[in-house]
Protein backbone atom coordinates (compact mmCIF):
# COMPACT_ATOMS: atom_id res chain seq x y z
CA MET A 1 -3.69 -9.21 9.10
CA PHE A 2 -4.66 -6.56 11.65
CA ASP A 3 -7.97 -5.32 13.06
CA TRP A 4 -9.88 -3.37 10.43
CA PRO A 5 -9.85 0.02 12.26
CA LEU A 6 -6.05 -0.10 12.37
CA VAL A 7 -5.84 -1.09 8.69
CA ILE A 8 -8.18 1.70 7.59
CA THR A 9 -6.28 4.26 9.66
CA ALA A 10 -2.88 3.22 8.31
CA TYR A 11 -3.96 3.06 4.67
CA SER A 12 -5.84 6.34 4.98
CA ILE A 13 -2.66 8.02 6.15
CA VAL A 14 -0.81 6.61 3.14
CA ILE A 15 -3.57 7.74 0.75
CA LEU A 16 -3.58 11.23 2.30
CA GLN A 17 0.19 11.38 1.89
CA PHE A 18 -0.20 10.86 -1.85
CA ALA A 19 -3.04 13.39 -2.02
CA PHE A 20 -1.26 16.16 -0.13
CA PHE A 21 2.37 15.64 -1.09
CA GLY A 22 1.92 13.89 -4.45
CA ARG A 23 4.62 11.40 -3.57
CA CYS A 24 5.67 8.78 -1.07
CA LEU A 25 7.58 10.40 1.75
CA MET A 26 9.36 7.11 2.51
CA ASN A 27 10.93 6.80 -0.96
CA GLU A 28 13.65 9.16 0.18
CA GLY A 29 14.34 6.89 3.14
CA HIS A 30 14.46 3.90 0.80
CA ASP A 31 16.80 5.88 -1.50
CA LEU A 32 14.31 5.62 -4.38
CA PRO A 33 13.97 8.51 -6.84
CA GLU A 34 10.45 9.68 -7.73
CA ASP A 35 11.27 10.99 -11.19
CA ASP A 36 11.48 7.66 -13.03
CA GLY A 37 8.29 6.17 -11.56
CA GLN A 38 10.14 4.00 -9.09
CA THR A 39 8.34 2.83 -5.95
CA PHE A 40 9.12 0.45 -3.15
CA TYR A 41 6.98 -2.14 -4.94
CA SER A 42 8.79 -1.79 -8.27
CA ASP A 43 12.13 -1.99 -6.47
CA VAL A 44 11.17 -5.23 -4.71
CA LEU A 45 9.70 -6.81 -7.86
CA GLU A 46 12.74 -5.86 -9.94
CA ARG A 47 15.09 -7.33 -7.33
CA LEU A 48 13.06 -10.55 -7.58
CA GLY A 49 13.69 -10.57 -11.32
CA TYR A 50 10.38 -9.20 -12.62
CA ARG A 51 10.31 -6.48 -15.25
CA VAL A 52 7.54 -4.03 -14.47
CA ASN A 53 6.25 -0.85 -16.02
CA ARG A 54 7.11 1.44 -13.13
CA LYS A 55 4.67 4.21 -14.02
CA VAL A 56 1.72 1.84 -14.44
CA LEU A 57 2.58 0.07 -11.18
CA ARG A 58 2.92 3.39 -9.35
CA ARG A 59 -0.47 4.56 -10.71
CA PHE A 60 -2.07 1.28 -9.57
CA VAL A 61 -0.50 1.39 -6.11
CA ARG A 62 -1.33 5.04 -5.47
CA GLY A 63 -4.76 4.98 -7.09
CA TYR A 64 -6.26 1.57 -6.36
CA LEU A 65 -4.20 -0.81 -4.21
CA TYR A 66 -4.89 0.69 -0.79
CA PHE A 67 -8.62 1.03 -1.49
CA ILE A 68 -8.68 -2.62 -2.59
CA LEU A 69 -6.86 -3.70 0.57
CA ILE A 70 -9.29 -1.73 2.74
CA LEU A 71 -12.21 -3.37 0.95
CA ILE A 72 -10.73 -6.87 1.36
CA THR A 73 -10.11 -6.20 5.05
CA LEU A 74 -13.69 -5.01 5.62
CA ILE A 75 -15.16 -7.96 3.72
CA TRP A 76 -12.94 -10.45 5.58
CA GLN A 77 -13.47 -9.12 9.09
CA VAL A 78 -16.80 -7.27 9.12
CA TYR A 79 -18.90 -9.04 6.48
CA LEU A 80 -17.49 -12.58 6.89
CA GLY A 81 -16.83 -12.14 10.62
CA ARG A 82 -13.28 -13.53 10.42
CA GLU A 83 -10.65 -12.69 12.97
CA PRO A 84 -7.52 -10.84 11.90
CA TRP A 85 -4.56 -13.11 11.24
CA LEU A 86 -2.40 -11.30 13.80
CA PRO A 87 -4.85 -10.23 16.53
CA ILE A 88 -2.01 -9.91 19.06
CA LEU A 89 -0.50 -7.03 17.09
CA SER A 90 -3.82 -5.25 16.63
């Protein structure tokens, strides 16, 4: 959605947060406990009626999701030469 340098910077900050603190610092702001594997994503999916394995989802989000999103962004914008969907906000 945004220019790739902005995406890489934002996701890198999130990845570093997990690496240094071992948790999401925003979960406290979302009133989500860390001890039962809950994440923002599991909370949203459960509110939509999906039953998810919280620990597996958390492992995927913290271990793979942001790297996948960075890769998709680079392929979309750098390799395919496509413009970001929201260039005004970039």
